[in-house]
Amino acid sequence: MEIVEEYYDEGLSGKNIKGRQEFMRMLNDIEDGKDGVDFVLVFKLSRFGRNAADVLSSLQIMQDYGVNLICVKDGIDGSKEAGKW
């Protein structure tokens, strides 16, 4: 894997995506096909989001563009059959 971009919403809660400018930029970059991203890598799912509706909505956008989520600590790998949502 090659890291092509890093997105930080430092000091902001993952409670919802509202106000998380970097998170929204990441989703926009995915939709725009920037850098041909295949994966989003986070340490824990709670760093991706804590609001179930936001997480599912964001995952749907990513899935629509063929981008998989990998959560290191939680053992989630959307690219593997066992790690699918």
C-alpha atoms as a PDB file:
ATOM      1  CA  MET A   1       0.000   0.000   0.000  1.00  0.00           C
ATOM      2  CA  GLU A   2       1.032   3.546  -0.644  1.00  0.00           C
ATOM      3  CA  ILE A   3      -0.287   6.377   1.522  1.00  0.00           C
ATOM      4  CA  VAL A   4      -1.501   9.062  -0.865  1.00  0.00           C
ATOM      5  CA  GLU A   5      -3.188  11.426   1.593  1.00  0.00           C
ATOM      6  CA  GLU A   6      -3.751  11.899   5.303  1.00  0.00           C
ATOM      7  CA  TYR A   7      -6.861  13.520   6.765  1.00  0.00           C
ATOM      8  CA  TYR A   8      -6.931  14.893  10.305  1.00  0.00           C
ATOM      9  CA  ASP A   9      -9.858  16.418  12.174  1.00  0.00           C
ATOM     10  CA  GLU A  10      -7.806  17.031  15.294  1.00  0.00           C
ATOM     11  CA  GLY A  11      -9.744  17.983  18.369  1.00  0.00           C
ATOM     12  CA  LEU A  12     -13.106  17.159  16.798  1.00  0.00           C
ATOM     13  CA  SER A  13     -15.382  14.388  17.989  1.00  0.00           C
ATOM     14  CA  GLY A  14     -16.371  11.514  15.749  1.00  0.00           C
ATOM     15  CA  LYS A  15     -19.895  11.931  17.129  1.00  0.00           C
ATOM     16  CA  ASN A  16     -21.054  13.138  13.709  1.00  0.00           C
ATOM     17  CA  ILE A  17     -19.509  14.246  10.443  1.00  0.00           C
ATOM     18  CA  LYS A  18     -20.953  17.741  10.646  1.00  0.00           C
ATOM     19  CA  GLY A  19     -18.079  20.177  11.018  1.00  0.00           C
ATOM     20  CA  ARG A  20     -15.425  17.555  10.196  1.00  0.00           C
ATOM     21  CA  GLN A  21     -13.951  19.347   7.193  1.00  0.00           C
ATOM     22  CA  GLU A  22     -11.152  16.852   6.623  1.00  0.00           C
ATOM     23  CA  PHE A  23     -13.557  13.917   6.759  1.00  0.00           C
ATOM     24  CA  MET A  24     -15.765  15.619   4.181  1.00  0.00           C
ATOM     25  CA  ARG A  25     -12.701  16.390   2.041  1.00  0.00           C
ATOM     26  CA  MET A  26     -11.799  12.688   2.172  1.00  0.00           C
ATOM     27  CA  LEU A  27     -15.278  11.683   0.961  1.00  0.00           C
ATOM     28  CA  ASN A  28     -15.143  14.329  -1.770  1.00  0.00           C
ATOM     29  CA  ASP A  29     -11.715  13.095  -2.877  1.00  0.00           C
ATOM     30  CA  ILE A  30     -13.112   9.557  -3.074  1.00  0.00           C
ATOM     31  CA  GLU A  31     -16.076  10.730  -5.148  1.00  0.00           C
ATOM     32  CA  ASP A  32     -13.741  12.703  -7.432  1.00  0.00           C
ATOM     33  CA  GLY A  33     -11.500   9.658  -7.909  1.00  0.00           C
ATOM     34  CA  LYS A  34      -8.491  11.559  -6.595  1.00  0.00           C
ATOM     35  CA  ASP A  35      -5.326   9.423  -6.502  1.00  0.00           C
ATOM     36  CA  GLY A  36      -7.243   6.221  -7.309  1.00  0.00           C
ATOM     37  CA  VAL A  37      -7.811   5.420  -3.631  1.00  0.00           C
ATOM     38  CA  ASP A  38      -8.665   1.787  -2.857  1.00  0.00           C
ATOM     39  CA  PHE A  39      -8.614   1.873   0.957  1.00  0.00           C
ATOM     40  CA  VAL A  40      -9.224   4.169   3.896  1.00  0.00           C
ATOM     41  CA  LEU A  41      -7.116   3.101   6.857  1.00  0.00           C
ATOM     42  CA  VAL A  42      -8.026   4.067  10.431  1.00  0.00           C
ATOM     43  CA  PHE A  43      -6.744   2.827  13.755  1.00  0.00           C
ATOM     44  CA  LYS A  44     -10.206   2.220  15.265  1.00  0.00           C
ATOM     45  CA  LEU A  45     -13.723   2.437  13.889  1.00  0.00           C
ATOM     46  CA  SER A  46     -14.507   5.081  16.523  1.00  0.00           C
ATOM     47  CA  ARG A  47     -11.907   7.327  14.831  1.00  0.00           C
ATOM     48  CA  PHE A  48     -13.863   6.989  11.583  1.00  0.00           C
ATOM     49  CA  GLY A  49     -17.155   7.830  13.245  1.00  0.00           C
ATOM     50  CA  ARG A  50     -19.346   7.170  16.253  1.00  0.00           C
ATOM     51  CA  ASN A  51     -22.738   7.944  14.803  1.00  0.00           C
ATOM     52  CA  ALA A  52     -24.068   4.748  13.193  1.00  0.00           C
ATOM     53  CA  ALA A  53     -26.048   6.601  10.527  1.00  0.00           C
ATOM     54  CA  ASP A  54     -23.003   8.686   9.524  1.00  0.00           C
ATOM     55  CA  VAL A  55     -20.755   5.618   9.461  1.00  0.00           C
ATOM     56  CA  LEU A  56     -23.165   3.635   7.293  1.00  0.00           C
ATOM     57  CA  SER A  57     -23.765   6.575   4.956  1.00  0.00           C
ATOM     58  CA  SER A  58     -20.026   7.176   4.575  1.00  0.00           C
ATOM     59  CA  LEU A  59     -19.357   3.480   4.027  1.00  0.00           C
ATOM     60  CA  GLN A  60     -22.034   3.400   1.327  1.00  0.00           C
ATOM     61  CA  ILE A  61     -20.349   6.285  -0.495  1.00  0.00           C
ATOM     62  CA  MET A  62     -17.009   4.523  -0.227  1.00  0.00           C
ATOM     63  CA  GLN A  63     -18.474   1.228  -1.431  1.00  0.00           C
ATOM     64  CA  ASP A  64     -20.095   2.985  -4.404  1.00  0.00           C
ATOM     65  CA  TYR A  65     -16.604   4.093  -5.464  1.00  0.00           C
ATOM     66  CA  GLY A  66     -14.878   0.788  -4.717  1.00  0.00           C
ATOM     67  CA  VAL A  67     -13.072   2.041  -1.616  1.00  0.00           C
ATOM     68  CA  ASN A  68     -12.725  -0.293   1.364  1.00  0.00           C
ATOM     69  CA  LEU A  69     -12.338   0.595   5.025  1.00  0.00           C
ATOM     70  CA  ILE A  70      -9.628  -1.019   7.133  1.00  0.00           C
ATOM     71  CA  CYS A  71      -9.739  -0.590  10.934  1.00  0.00           C
ATOM     72  CA  VAL A  72      -6.502  -1.895  12.386  1.00  0.00           C
ATOM     73  CA  LYS A  73      -7.475  -2.274  16.055  1.00  0.00           C
ATOM     74  CA  ASP A  74     -10.936  -3.701  15.334  1.00  0.00           C
ATOM     75  CA  GLY A  75      -9.772  -6.244  12.764  1.00  0.00           C
ATOM     76  CA  ILE A  76     -12.076  -4.886  10.071  1.00  0.00           C
ATOM     77  CA  ASP A  77     -10.971  -5.171   6.456  1.00  0.00           C
ATOM     78  CA  GLY A  78     -13.710  -4.378   3.966  1.00  0.00           C
ATOM     79  CA  SER A  79     -11.635  -5.845   1.142  1.00  0.00           C
ATOM     80  CA  LYS A  80     -11.799  -9.344   2.655  1.00  0.00           C
ATOM     81  CA  GLU A  81     -14.938 -11.454   2.560  1.00  0.00           C
ATOM     82  CA  ALA A  82     -14.879 -11.977   6.338  1.00  0.00           C
ATOM     83  CA  GLY A  83     -14.472  -8.243   6.938  1.00  0.00           C
ATOM     84  CA  LYS A  84     -17.387  -7.077   4.787  1.00  0.00           C
ATOM     85  CA  TRP A  85     -20.158  -5.011   6.323  1.00  0.00           C
END
